C-alpha atoms as a PDB file:
ATOM      1  CA  UNK A   1     -63.869 193.600  68.842  1.00  0.00           C
ATOM      2  CA  UNK A   2     -62.347 195.933  71.453  1.00  0.00           C
ATOM      3  CA  UNK A   3     -58.599 195.559  72.024  1.00  0.00           C
ATOM      4  CA  UNK A   4     -57.801 198.699  74.000  1.00  0.00           C
ATOM      5  CA  UNK A   5     -54.857 198.083  76.378  1.00  0.00           C
ATOM      6  CA  UNK A   6     -53.824 194.974  74.415  1.00  0.00           C
ATOM      7  CA  UNK A   7     -50.546 194.567  72.539  1.00  0.00           C
ATOM      8  CA  UNK A   8     -50.031 192.692  69.273  1.00  0.00           C
ATOM      9  CA  UNK A   9     -46.667 191.785  67.755  1.00  0.00           C
ATOM     10  CA  UNK A  10     -47.010 191.086  64.034  1.00  0.00           C
ATOM     11  CA  UNK A  11     -44.102 189.482  62.199  1.00  0.00           C
ATOM     12  CA  UNK A  12     -44.114 190.111  58.470  1.00  0.00           C
ATOM     13  CA  UNK A  13     -46.235 193.172  59.178  1.00  0.00           C
ATOM     14  CA  UNK A  14     -44.911 195.506  56.495  1.00  0.00           C
ATOM     15  CA  UNK A  15     -47.115 194.298  53.633  1.00  0.00           C
ATOM     16  CA  UNK A  16     -49.784 191.873  52.528  1.00  0.00           C
ATOM     17  CA  UNK A  17     -51.725 189.848  55.079  1.00  0.00           C
ATOM     18  CA  UNK A  18     -49.475 190.940  57.966  1.00  0.00           C
ATOM     19  CA  UNK A  19     -50.072 194.626  57.285  1.00  0.00           C
ATOM     20  CA  UNK A  20     -53.811 194.029  56.869  1.00  0.00           C
ATOM     21  CA  UNK A  21     -53.929 192.215  60.213  1.00  0.00           C
ATOM     22  CA  UNK A  22     -51.962 195.032  61.842  1.00  0.00           C
ATOM     23  CA  UNK A  23     -54.420 197.564  60.429  1.00  0.00           C
ATOM     24  CA  UNK A  24     -57.397 195.612  61.761  1.00  0.00           C
ATOM     25  CA  UNK A  25     -55.832 195.384  65.212  1.00  0.00           C
ATOM     26  CA  UNK A  26     -55.046 199.112  65.242  1.00  0.00           C
ATOM     27  CA  UNK A  27     -58.632 199.828  64.209  1.00  0.00           C
ATOM     28  CA  UNK A  28     -59.809 197.677  67.155  1.00  0.00           C
ATOM     29  CA  UNK A  29     -57.722 199.802  69.548  1.00  0.00           C
ATOM     30  CA  UNK A  30     -54.667 197.590  70.092  1.00  0.00           C
ATOM     31  CA  UNK A  31     -51.123 198.833  70.414  1.00  0.00           C
ATOM     32  CA  UNK A  32     -49.363 197.211  67.440  1.00  0.00           C
ATOM     33  CA  UNK A  33     -45.718 196.366  66.880  1.00  0.00           C
ATOM     34  CA  UNK A  34     -44.745 195.185  63.414  1.00  0.00           C
ATOM     35  CA  UNK A  35     -41.551 193.543  62.252  1.00  0.00           C
ATOM     36  CA  UNK A  36     -40.110 192.764  58.830  1.00  0.00           C
ATOM     37  CA  UNK A  37     -36.637 192.134  57.493  1.00  0.00           C
ATOM     38  CA  UNK A  38     -36.124 195.466  55.740  1.00  0.00           C
ATOM     39  CA  UNK A  39     -35.929 198.707  57.715  1.00  0.00           C
ATOM     40  CA  UNK A  40     -37.356 200.860  54.906  1.00  0.00           C
ATOM     41  CA  UNK A  41     -40.409 198.602  54.547  1.00  0.00           C
ATOM     42  CA  UNK A  42     -41.006 198.687  58.309  1.00  0.00           C
ATOM     43  CA  UNK A  43     -40.739 202.480  58.375  1.00  0.00           C
ATOM     44  CA  UNK A  44     -43.152 202.875  55.440  1.00  0.00           C
ATOM     45  CA  UNK A  45     -45.718 200.489  56.941  1.00  0.00           C
ATOM     46  CA  UNK A  46     -45.502 202.160  60.363  1.00  0.00           C
ATOM     47  CA  UNK A  47     -46.066 205.554  58.722  1.00  0.00           C
ATOM     48  CA  UNK A  48     -49.142 204.196  56.927  1.00  0.00           C
ATOM     49  CA  UNK A  49     -50.557 202.515  60.042  1.00  0.00           C
ATOM     50  CA  UNK A  50     -49.971 205.601  62.175  1.00  0.00           C
ATOM     51  CA  UNK A  51     -52.457 207.500  60.019  1.00  0.00           C
ATOM     52  CA  UNK A  52     -55.111 205.515  61.858  1.00  0.00           C
ATOM     53  CA  UNK A  53     -53.380 204.408  65.049  1.00  0.00           C
ATOM     54  CA  UNK A  54     -51.155 207.348  65.919  1.00  0.00           C
ATOM     55  CA  UNK A  55     -48.498 206.536  68.481  1.00  0.00           C
ATOM     56  CA  UNK A  56     -50.012 203.096  69.143  1.00  0.00           C
ATOM     57  CA  UNK A  57     -47.978 201.738  66.210  1.00  0.00           C
ATOM     58  CA  UNK A  58     -44.265 201.035  66.171  1.00  0.00           C
ATOM     59  CA  UNK A  59     -41.991 198.700  64.268  1.00  0.00           C
ATOM     60  CA  UNK A  60     -38.571 197.103  64.189  1.00  0.00           C
ATOM     61  CA  UNK A  61     -36.539 195.456  61.464  1.00  0.00           C
ATOM     62  CA  UNK A  62     -36.156 191.796  62.378  1.00  0.00           C
ATOM     63  CA  UNK A  63     -35.363 188.577  60.587  1.00  0.00           C
ATOM     64  CA  UNK A  64     -37.267 185.954  62.592  1.00  0.00           C
ATOM     65  CA  UNK A  65     -34.750 183.324  61.487  1.00  0.00           C
ATOM     66  CA  UNK A  66     -32.156 185.055  63.683  1.00  0.00           C
ATOM     67  CA  UNK A  67     -32.677 184.337  67.387  1.00  0.00           C
ATOM     68  CA  UNK A  68     -30.665 187.372  68.540  1.00  0.00           C
ATOM     69  CA  UNK A  69     -32.767 189.731  66.422  1.00  0.00           C
ATOM     70  CA  UNK A  70     -35.987 188.244  67.803  1.00  0.00           C
ATOM     71  CA  UNK A  71     -34.669 188.499  71.350  1.00  0.00           C
ATOM     72  CA  UNK A  72     -33.713 192.139  70.760  1.00  0.00           C
ATOM     73  CA  UNK A  73     -37.183 193.001  69.417  1.00  0.00           C
ATOM     74  CA  UNK A  74     -38.880 191.381  72.414  1.00  0.00           C
ATOM     75  CA  UNK A  75     -36.628 193.330  74.787  1.00  0.00           C
ATOM     76  CA  UNK A  76     -37.298 196.606  72.948  1.00  0.00           C
ATOM     77  CA  UNK A  77     -41.044 196.014  72.923  1.00  0.00           C
ATOM     78  CA  UNK A  78     -41.051 195.198  76.620  1.00  0.00           C
ATOM     79  CA  UNK A  79     -39.089 198.368  77.460  1.00  0.00           C
ATOM     80  CA  UNK A  80     -41.293 200.601  75.303  1.00  0.00           C
ATOM     81  CA  UNK A  81     -44.486 199.154  76.682  1.00  0.00           C
ATOM     82  CA  UNK A  82     -43.286 199.476  80.251  1.00  0.00           C
ATOM     83  CA  UNK A  83     -42.683 203.181  79.680  1.00  0.00           C
ATOM     84  CA  UNK A  84     -46.092 203.481  78.029  1.00  0.00           C
ATOM     85  CA  UNK A  85     -47.758 202.102  81.153  1.00  0.00           C
ATOM     86  CA  UNK A  86     -48.490 198.613  79.873  1.00  0.00           C
ATOM     87  CA  UNK A  87     -47.904 195.608  82.061  1.00  0.00           C
ATOM     88  CA  UNK A  88     -46.353 192.342  80.937  1.00  0.00           C
ATOM     89  CA  UNK A  89     -48.520 190.456  83.452  1.00  0.00           C
END
């Protein structure tokens, strides 16, 4: 599966199934954004995933039960991807 120039947002991506999915998507060439509730877990998972995906991996702390946090993550992802040359269309 080739996912170059595709973007994946993985909630719960700091461990378990979410982290495994993120790793598979990175391996397939996607730009991956992970979220989890705890900043330290996000940072650790991003560091691990960057060993394979380099700068195609980023992450944000986010509790998906909180609408404002989700909205903020979406805005941050959109801004970062715009600067990286990705289109939201």
